[in-house]
């Protein structure tokens, strides 16, 4: 399959609604079994929010389960990995309720609010994941196949045959007697 990374900022409804974010990074390299390893934090320009579908709507009371000013990428696996949007938030993505969660950018005023500062952070995350993938695959490719080879052999039935052969060889050799 290789590496697949996508990041989308969803459409915002008219009014005071937050912008949903979709992020997915996944790779499968079972044949090479590389070690994917990355542990990095990214500071966001503003707070993002995670929660159920009501997280898009601004409200006086808290309608989100998590807010964060940073993203965290933690990968440590062999052969494959998958990172979803909710897993980028510190402490999220590990519970069954997290499957229904979505992440949203903060509301900004204007006809066409500018989220380029968030775009830069998500592009950096994608770039670092791509570098990690390429490094892991190149390390795995640098490790060549080794054909099977014999390290040690011991067979008790062969030992008997070898000792008999040694005895026969000893009998058939001419013997010299030395007088002193």
Protein backbone atom coordinates (compact mmCIF):
# COMPACT_ATOMS: atom_id res chain seq x y z
CA UNK A 1 0.00 0.00 0.00
CA UNK A 2 2.72 2.50 0.87
CA UNK A 3 2.06 5.82 2.59
CA UNK A 4 -1.20 7.78 2.46
CA UNK A 5 -1.61 11.19 4.13
CA UNK A 6 -4.59 13.50 3.81
CA UNK A 7 -5.64 16.62 5.65
CA UNK A 8 -8.83 18.55 4.95
CA UNK A 9 -10.48 21.52 6.58
CA UNK A 10 -14.21 20.91 6.22
CA UNK A 11 -16.85 23.37 5.19
CA UNK A 12 -18.10 25.77 7.85
CA UNK A 13 -21.79 26.49 8.20
CA UNK A 14 -22.96 30.09 8.01
CA UNK A 15 -22.84 31.71 11.42
CA UNK A 16 -20.78 31.05 14.51
CA UNK A 17 -19.58 27.54 13.77
CA UNK A 18 -16.14 25.99 14.03
CA UNK A 19 -14.33 24.44 11.05
CA UNK A 20 -14.01 20.62 11.21
CA UNK A 21 -10.59 19.07 10.51
CA UNK A 22 -9.97 15.66 8.98
CA UNK A 23 -6.47 14.19 9.17
CA UNK A 24 -5.39 10.67 8.29
CA UNK A 25 -1.91 9.21 7.90
CA UNK A 26 -1.48 5.50 7.33
CA UNK A 27 1.15 3.17 5.97
CA UNK A 28 1.42 -0.56 5.41
CA UNK A 29 4.77 -2.15 4.57
CA UNK A 30 4.29 -5.68 5.93
CA UNK A 31 6.76 -7.21 3.46
CA UNK A 32 9.72 -5.11 4.68
CA UNK A 33 8.52 -4.78 8.30
CA UNK A 34 10.25 -1.41 8.94
CA UNK A 35 10.23 0.23 12.36
CA UNK A 36 8.13 3.41 12.21
CA UNK A 37 9.17 5.67 15.07
CA UNK A 38 8.26 9.31 15.64
CA UNK A 39 7.59 11.27 18.83
CA UNK A 40 7.06 14.97 18.22
CA UNK A 41 4.96 17.90 19.47
CA UNK A 42 3.68 20.80 17.37
CA UNK A 43 2.48 24.10 18.82
CA UNK A 44 -0.74 25.38 17.31
CA UNK A 45 -1.44 29.10 16.70
CA UNK A 46 -4.71 28.83 18.66
CA UNK A 47 -6.76 26.27 20.60
CA UNK A 48 -8.53 23.45 18.74
CA UNK A 49 -11.51 21.54 20.10
CA UNK A 50 -12.57 17.89 20.08
CA UNK A 51 -15.96 16.41 20.85
CA UNK A 52 -19.11 14.93 19.34
CA UNK A 53 -20.98 16.52 16.44
CA UNK A 54 -22.05 19.49 18.61
CA UNK A 55 -18.41 20.63 18.87
CA UNK A 56 -18.84 22.66 15.66
CA UNK A 57 -21.41 24.90 17.32
CA UNK A 58 -20.19 27.67 19.59
CA UNK A 59 -22.06 27.71 22.89
CA UNK A 60 -21.92 29.38 26.28
CA UNK A 61 -21.42 26.06 28.00
CA UNK A 62 -18.70 23.61 27.17
CA UNK A 63 -19.76 21.44 24.23
CA UNK A 64 -16.39 19.78 23.70
CA UNK A 65 -14.54 17.12 25.68
CA UNK A 66 -11.01 18.31 24.94
CA UNK A 67 -9.25 21.47 23.86
CA UNK A 68 -5.57 21.74 23.08
CA UNK A 69 -2.95 24.20 21.92
CA UNK A 70 -0.68 21.50 20.52
CA UNK A 71 -0.63 18.37 18.40
CA UNK A 72 1.32 15.26 19.35
CA UNK A 73 2.49 12.55 16.96
CA UNK A 74 3.56 9.31 18.63
CA UNK A 75 4.33 6.35 16.39
CA UNK A 76 6.26 3.26 17.40
CA UNK A 77 5.28 0.20 15.41
CA UNK A 78 6.59 -2.35 12.95
CA UNK A 79 5.15 -2.79 9.44
CA UNK A 80 2.21 -0.38 9.63
CA UNK A 81 0.70 2.60 11.42
CA UNK A 82 -2.46 4.69 11.35
CA UNK A 83 -2.94 8.18 12.80
CA UNK A 84 -6.36 9.81 12.84
CA UNK A 85 -7.24 13.41 13.69
CA UNK A 86 -8.32 12.64 17.24
CA UNK A 87 -5.06 10.77 17.95
CA UNK A 88 -3.13 13.99 17.32
CA UNK A 89 -4.55 15.54 20.49
CA UNK A 90 -2.64 14.73 23.67
CA UNK A 91 -4.51 12.11 25.71
CA UNK A 92 -7.19 11.50 23.05
CA UNK A 93 -7.97 8.62 20.73
CA UNK A 94 -7.55 5.84 23.28
CA UNK A 95 -11.16 5.42 24.41
CA UNK A 96 -14.16 3.89 22.65
CA UNK A 97 -16.02 7.25 22.73
CA UNK A 98 -13.19 8.84 20.73
CA UNK A 99 -14.33 7.04 17.58
CA UNK A 100 -17.28 9.46 17.34
CA UNK A 101 -15.23 12.57 18.14
CA UNK A 102 -14.28 15.18 15.63
CA UNK A 103 -11.73 17.96 15.83
CA UNK A 104 -12.53 21.57 14.96
CA UNK A 105 -10.53 24.73 14.45
CA UNK A 106 -11.64 27.79 16.40
CA UNK A 107 -14.26 30.13 14.99
CA UNK A 108 -12.87 33.18 13.22
CA UNK A 109 -14.84 36.17 11.94
CA UNK A 110 -15.06 37.27 8.33
CA UNK A 111 -16.45 36.09 5.02
CA UNK A 112 -13.42 33.92 4.31
CA UNK A 113 -11.51 33.37 7.56
CA UNK A 114 -7.80 32.73 7.15
CA UNK A 115 -6.59 29.42 8.55
CA UNK A 116 -3.20 29.42 6.81
CA UNK A 117 -1.43 29.37 10.19
CA UNK A 118 -3.11 26.04 10.97
CA UNK A 119 -2.37 24.80 7.43
CA UNK A 120 1.36 25.32 8.04
CA UNK A 121 1.28 23.22 11.21
CA UNK A 122 -0.62 20.35 9.55
CA UNK A 123 1.73 20.51 6.53
CA UNK A 124 4.72 20.23 8.91
CA UNK A 125 3.10 17.19 10.61
CA UNK A 126 2.55 15.56 7.20
CA UNK A 127 6.11 16.37 6.12
CA UNK A 128 7.61 14.85 9.28
CA UNK A 129 5.50 11.70 8.92
CA UNK A 130 6.64 11.38 5.29
CA UNK A 131 10.31 11.74 6.32
CA UNK A 132 9.85 9.15 9.08
CA UNK A 133 8.26 6.74 6.58
CA UNK A 134 11.01 7.21 3.98
CA UNK A 135 13.76 6.78 6.60
CA UNK A 136 12.18 3.59 8.01
CA UNK A 137 11.67 2.04 4.56
CA UNK A 138 15.20 2.91 3.39
CA UNK A 139 16.65 1.37 6.58
CA UNK A 140 14.61 -1.79 5.95
CA UNK A 141 15.71 -1.91 2.29
CA UNK A 142 19.36 -1.57 3.35
CA UNK A 143 19.08 -4.83 5.25
CA UNK A 144 19.56 -7.50 2.54
CA UNK A 145 18.27 -11.04 2.46
CA UNK A 146 20.62 -13.67 3.78
CA UNK A 147 20.37 -17.21 2.43
CA UNK A 148 20.21 -20.09 4.89
CA UNK A 149 23.57 -21.46 5.96
CA UNK A 150 24.83 -24.17 8.29
CA UNK A 151 26.19 -23.01 11.64
CA UNK A 152 26.50 -26.30 13.50
CA UNK A 153 25.64 -29.91 12.80
CA UNK A 154 25.55 -32.81 15.15
CA UNK A 155 23.88 -36.10 14.50
CA UNK A 156 24.55 -39.03 16.83
CA UNK A 157 24.01 -41.58 14.02
CA UNK A 158 26.66 -39.84 11.92
CA UNK A 159 29.03 -39.82 14.87
CA UNK A 160 28.95 -43.63 14.96
CA UNK A 161 29.54 -43.83 11.22
CA UNK A 162 32.43 -41.38 11.48
CA UNK A 163 34.10 -43.29 14.30
CA UNK A 164 33.78 -46.61 12.40
CA UNK A 165 35.28 -45.01 9.32
CA UNK A 166 38.16 -43.65 11.41
CA UNK A 167 38.79 -47.15 12.80
CA UNK A 168 38.77 -48.66 9.30
CA UNK A 169 41.18 -46.01 8.08
CA UNK A 170 43.48 -46.76 10.99
CA UNK A 171 43.51 -50.51 10.18
CA UNK A 172 44.20 -50.04 6.49
CA UNK A 173 47.14 -47.69 7.04
CA UNK A 174 50.52 -49.30 7.11
CA UNK A 175 52.04 -49.34 10.53
CA UNK A 176 55.71 -48.95 11.21
CA UNK A 177 57.41 -50.30 14.20
CA UNK A 178 60.33 -48.38 15.51
CA UNK A 179 63.03 -49.96 17.57
CA UNK A 180 64.83 -47.82 20.02
